[in-house]
Amino acid sequence: MTDEERIKELIVKELELFIRAHGWDDKVVQEALLEVAKNHLWKKGLWVRMKVVFIILAATGSLASVIAVISNLFGLEFRK
C-alpha cells in the first residue's frame, strides 16, 4: 500500500469517527458535501469565465491592430 492510499484510508476512518461522534445522519453529510462541491465549482467556473473574457479582449485588440495596419497600407485613416 502506498503512502497516498494510507493517507486516504486514514482520512476516511477519521471522518467516519467524526460523523458518528456528532450523530450526523447521511442527509446532513450529503448536504455539506454538496455545498462544498458547489463552492468549488463556482470558483472554478469564475476563473474559466474570466479567462474567456481575457481571450476575447486580446482577440479584439489583435483584430483591431490588423485592421489598422491593412487600412494604413491602402491609405485610409480613421482618425486624423
N, C-alpha and C. Protein backbone atom coordinates (compact mmCIF):
# COMPACT_ATOMS: atom_id res chain seq x y z
N MET A 1 0.84 -1.17 0.00
CA MET A 1 0.00 0.00 0.00
C MET A 1 0.90 1.25 0.00
N THR A 2 0.58 2.18 -0.88
CA THR A 2 1.39 3.39 -0.98
C THR A 2 1.01 4.37 0.14
N ASP A 3 1.85 5.37 0.29
CA ASP A 3 1.58 6.39 1.31
C ASP A 3 0.28 7.12 1.02
N GLU A 4 0.03 7.39 -0.24
CA GLU A 4 -1.18 8.12 -0.62
C GLU A 4 -2.43 7.31 -0.27
N GLU A 5 -2.40 6.02 -0.52
CA GLU A 5 -3.55 5.16 -0.18
C GLU A 5 -3.76 5.10 1.33
N ARG A 6 -2.67 5.03 2.08
CA ARG A 6 -2.78 5.01 3.54
C ARG A 6 -3.38 6.31 4.07
N ILE A 7 -2.95 7.42 3.49
CA ILE A 7 -3.48 8.71 3.93
C ILE A 7 -4.97 8.81 3.64
N LYS A 8 -5.37 8.37 2.44
CA LYS A 8 -6.80 8.39 2.10
C LYS A 8 -7.61 7.51 3.06
N GLU A 9 -7.08 6.34 3.37
CA GLU A 9 -7.76 5.43 4.28
C GLU A 9 -7.89 6.05 5.67
N LEU A 10 -6.83 6.69 6.15
CA LEU A 10 -6.88 7.35 7.46
C LEU A 10 -7.91 8.48 7.47
N ILE A 11 -7.96 9.24 6.40
CA ILE A 11 -8.91 10.35 6.32
C ILE A 11 -10.34 9.82 6.37
N VAL A 12 -10.61 8.76 5.61
CA VAL A 12 -11.95 8.17 5.61
C VAL A 12 -12.32 7.68 7.00
N LYS A 13 -11.41 6.99 7.67
CA LYS A 13 -11.68 6.49 9.02
C LYS A 13 -11.94 7.63 10.00
N GLU A 14 -11.12 8.67 9.93
CA GLU A 14 -11.29 9.81 10.84
C GLU A 14 -12.62 10.52 10.58
N LEU A 15 -13.00 10.66 9.31
CA LEU A 15 -14.28 11.29 9.00
C LEU A 15 -15.45 10.46 9.51
N GLU A 16 -15.36 9.14 9.35
CA GLU A 16 -16.42 8.28 9.85
C GLU A 16 -16.55 8.39 11.37
N LEU A 17 -15.42 8.42 12.06
CA LEU A 17 -15.46 8.58 13.52
C LEU A 17 -16.05 9.94 13.91
N PHE A 18 -15.68 10.99 13.20
CA PHE A 18 -16.17 12.33 13.48
C PHE A 18 -17.68 12.39 13.27
N ILE A 19 -18.15 11.79 12.17
CA ILE A 19 -19.59 11.81 11.86
C ILE A 19 -20.37 11.04 12.94
N ARG A 20 -19.87 9.88 13.32
CA ARG A 20 -20.53 9.09 14.36
C ARG A 20 -20.52 9.82 15.70
N ALA A 21 -19.42 10.47 16.02
CA ALA A 21 -19.30 11.16 17.31
C ALA A 21 -20.29 12.31 17.42
N HIS A 22 -20.60 12.97 16.30
CA HIS A 22 -21.52 14.10 16.33
C HIS A 22 -22.96 13.69 16.04
N GLY A 23 -23.17 12.42 15.71
CA GLY A 23 -24.52 11.93 15.50
C GLY A 23 -25.18 12.45 14.23
N TRP A 24 -24.41 12.76 13.22
CA TRP A 24 -24.98 13.26 11.97
C TRP A 24 -25.54 12.11 11.16
N ASP A 25 -26.67 12.37 10.49
CA ASP A 25 -27.20 11.35 9.60
C ASP A 25 -26.67 11.60 8.18
N ASP A 26 -26.99 10.68 7.29
CA ASP A 26 -26.46 10.76 5.93
C ASP A 26 -26.91 12.02 5.20
N LYS A 27 -28.13 12.47 5.47
CA LYS A 27 -28.65 13.66 4.78
C LYS A 27 -27.81 14.90 5.10
N VAL A 28 -27.44 15.06 6.35
CA VAL A 28 -26.63 16.22 6.76
C VAL A 28 -25.26 16.17 6.08
N VAL A 29 -24.66 14.98 6.05
CA VAL A 29 -23.34 14.83 5.42
C VAL A 29 -23.42 15.11 3.92
N GLN A 30 -24.46 14.59 3.27
CA GLN A 30 -24.63 14.82 1.83
C GLN A 30 -24.83 16.29 1.52
N GLU A 31 -25.63 16.99 2.33
CA GLU A 31 -25.84 18.42 2.12
C GLU A 31 -24.53 19.19 2.26
N ALA A 32 -23.73 18.82 3.26
CA ALA A 32 -22.45 19.50 3.47
C ALA A 32 -21.52 19.26 2.28
N LEU A 33 -21.46 18.02 1.81
CA LEU A 33 -20.60 17.72 0.66
C LEU A 33 -21.07 18.43 -0.59
N LEU A 34 -22.38 18.52 -0.80
CA LEU A 34 -22.91 19.24 -1.96
C LEU A 34 -22.56 20.73 -1.89
N GLU A 35 -22.63 21.29 -0.70
CA GLU A 35 -22.28 22.71 -0.53
C GLU A 35 -20.81 22.96 -0.87
N VAL A 36 -19.95 22.08 -0.41
CA VAL A 36 -18.52 22.21 -0.71
C VAL A 36 -18.29 22.08 -2.21
N ALA A 37 -18.95 21.12 -2.84
CA ALA A 37 -18.79 20.92 -4.29
C ALA A 37 -19.29 22.14 -5.07
N LYS A 38 -20.42 22.70 -4.66
CA LYS A 38 -20.96 23.89 -5.34
C LYS A 38 -19.99 25.07 -5.25
N ASN A 39 -19.43 25.27 -4.06
CA ASN A 39 -18.48 26.37 -3.88
C ASN A 39 -17.24 26.16 -4.75
N HIS A 40 -16.77 24.93 -4.81
CA HIS A 40 -15.59 24.64 -5.63
C HIS A 40 -15.88 24.88 -7.11
N LEU A 41 -17.04 24.41 -7.57
CA LEU A 41 -17.40 24.59 -8.98
C LEU A 41 -17.60 26.07 -9.32
N TRP A 42 -18.18 26.83 -8.38
CA TRP A 42 -18.40 28.25 -8.64
C TRP A 42 -17.07 28.97 -8.81
N LYS A 43 -16.12 28.66 -7.92
CA LYS A 43 -14.81 29.30 -8.02
C LYS A 43 -14.11 28.91 -9.31
N LYS A 44 -14.18 27.63 -9.65
CA LYS A 44 -13.55 27.16 -10.87
C LYS A 44 -14.24 27.78 -12.09
N GLY A 45 -15.56 27.86 -12.06
CA GLY A 45 -16.32 28.45 -13.16
C GLY A 45 -16.02 29.93 -13.33
N LEU A 46 -15.83 30.62 -12.22
CA LEU A 46 -15.49 32.04 -12.29
C LEU A 46 -14.16 32.23 -13.00
N TRP A 47 -13.17 31.42 -12.67
CA TRP A 47 -11.86 31.52 -13.30
C TRP A 47 -11.96 31.25 -14.80
N VAL A 48 -12.76 30.28 -15.19
CA VAL A 48 -12.92 29.96 -16.62
C VAL A 48 -13.58 31.12 -17.34
N ARG A 49 -14.61 31.73 -16.74
CA ARG A 49 -15.28 32.88 -17.37
C ARG A 49 -14.31 34.05 -17.52
N MET A 50 -13.47 34.28 -16.49
CA MET A 50 -12.50 35.38 -16.58
C MET A 50 -11.51 35.12 -17.71
N LYS A 51 -11.06 33.87 -17.86
CA LYS A 51 -10.12 33.55 -18.93
C LYS A 51 -10.76 33.79 -20.30
N VAL A 52 -12.04 33.45 -20.45
CA VAL A 52 -12.73 33.68 -21.72
C VAL A 52 -12.80 35.17 -22.03
N VAL A 53 -13.11 35.97 -21.03
CA VAL A 53 -13.19 37.42 -21.23
C VAL A 53 -11.82 37.97 -21.65
N PHE A 54 -10.75 37.52 -21.00
CA PHE A 54 -9.41 37.98 -21.36
C PHE A 54 -9.05 37.58 -22.78
N ILE A 55 -9.42 36.37 -23.18
CA ILE A 55 -9.13 35.91 -24.54
C ILE A 55 -9.89 36.74 -25.55
N ILE A 56 -11.15 37.06 -25.27
CA ILE A 56 -11.94 37.89 -26.19
C ILE A 56 -11.34 39.28 -26.30
N LEU A 57 -10.92 39.86 -25.18
CA LEU A 57 -10.30 41.19 -25.22
C LEU A 57 -9.00 41.17 -26.02
N ALA A 58 -8.19 40.14 -25.84
CA ALA A 58 -6.93 40.05 -26.58
C ALA A 58 -7.19 39.87 -28.07
N ALA A 59 -8.18 39.05 -28.41
CA ALA A 59 -8.50 38.83 -29.82
C ALA A 59 -9.04 40.10 -30.46
N THR A 60 -9.85 40.85 -29.73
CA THR A 60 -10.39 42.11 -30.24
C THR A 60 -9.26 43.11 -30.49
N GLY A 61 -8.34 43.21 -29.56
CA GLY A 61 -7.21 44.13 -29.74
C GLY A 61 -6.33 43.72 -30.91
N SER A 62 -6.08 42.43 -31.06
CA SER A 62 -5.27 41.96 -32.19
C SER A 62 -5.96 42.21 -33.50
N LEU A 63 -7.26 41.95 -33.56
CA LEU A 63 -8.02 42.19 -34.79
C LEU A 63 -8.03 43.67 -35.15
N ALA A 64 -8.19 44.52 -34.15
CA ALA A 64 -8.18 45.97 -34.41
C ALA A 64 -6.81 46.41 -34.94
N SER A 65 -5.76 45.83 -34.43
CA SER A 65 -4.41 46.18 -34.91
C SER A 65 -4.22 45.75 -36.36
N VAL A 66 -4.68 44.56 -36.69
CA VAL A 66 -4.55 44.07 -38.07
C VAL A 66 -5.35 44.95 -39.02
N ILE A 67 -6.56 45.33 -38.62
CA ILE A 67 -7.38 46.20 -39.46
C ILE A 67 -6.71 47.55 -39.64
N ALA A 68 -6.13 48.10 -38.59
CA ALA A 68 -5.45 49.40 -38.69
C ALA A 68 -4.25 49.32 -39.62
N VAL A 69 -3.47 48.26 -39.55
CA VAL A 69 -2.30 48.11 -40.42
C VAL A 69 -2.72 47.98 -41.87
N ILE A 70 -3.72 47.17 -42.14
CA ILE A 70 -4.18 46.98 -43.53
C ILE A 70 -4.78 48.27 -44.08
N SER A 71 -5.55 48.97 -43.27
CA SER A 71 -6.15 50.22 -43.75
C SER A 71 -5.07 51.26 -44.01
N ASN A 72 -4.02 51.28 -43.22
CA ASN A 72 -2.92 52.22 -43.46
C ASN A 72 -2.16 51.88 -44.75
N LEU A 73 -2.08 50.59 -45.07
CA LEU A 73 -1.45 50.19 -46.33
C LEU A 73 -2.20 50.72 -47.53
N PHE A 74 -3.52 50.79 -47.43
CA PHE A 74 -4.36 51.31 -48.52
C PHE A 74 -4.58 52.81 -48.42
N GLY A 75 -4.02 53.45 -47.44
CA GLY A 75 -4.08 54.89 -47.30
C GLY A 75 -5.33 55.41 -46.60
N LEU A 76 -6.04 54.56 -45.95
CA LEU A 76 -7.24 55.01 -45.22
C LEU A 76 -6.84 55.44 -43.81
N GLU A 77 -7.49 56.52 -43.34
CA GLU A 77 -7.24 56.97 -41.97
C GLU A 77 -8.56 57.07 -41.24
N PHE A 78 -8.62 56.49 -40.07
CA PHE A 78 -9.83 56.53 -39.27
C PHE A 78 -9.83 57.72 -38.32
N ARG A 79 -8.68 58.23 -38.02
CA ARG A 79 -8.59 59.42 -37.18
C ARG A 79 -7.45 60.27 -37.70
N LYS A 80 -7.60 61.55 -37.50
CA LYS A 80 -6.59 62.46 -38.05
C LYS A 80 -5.83 63.15 -36.94
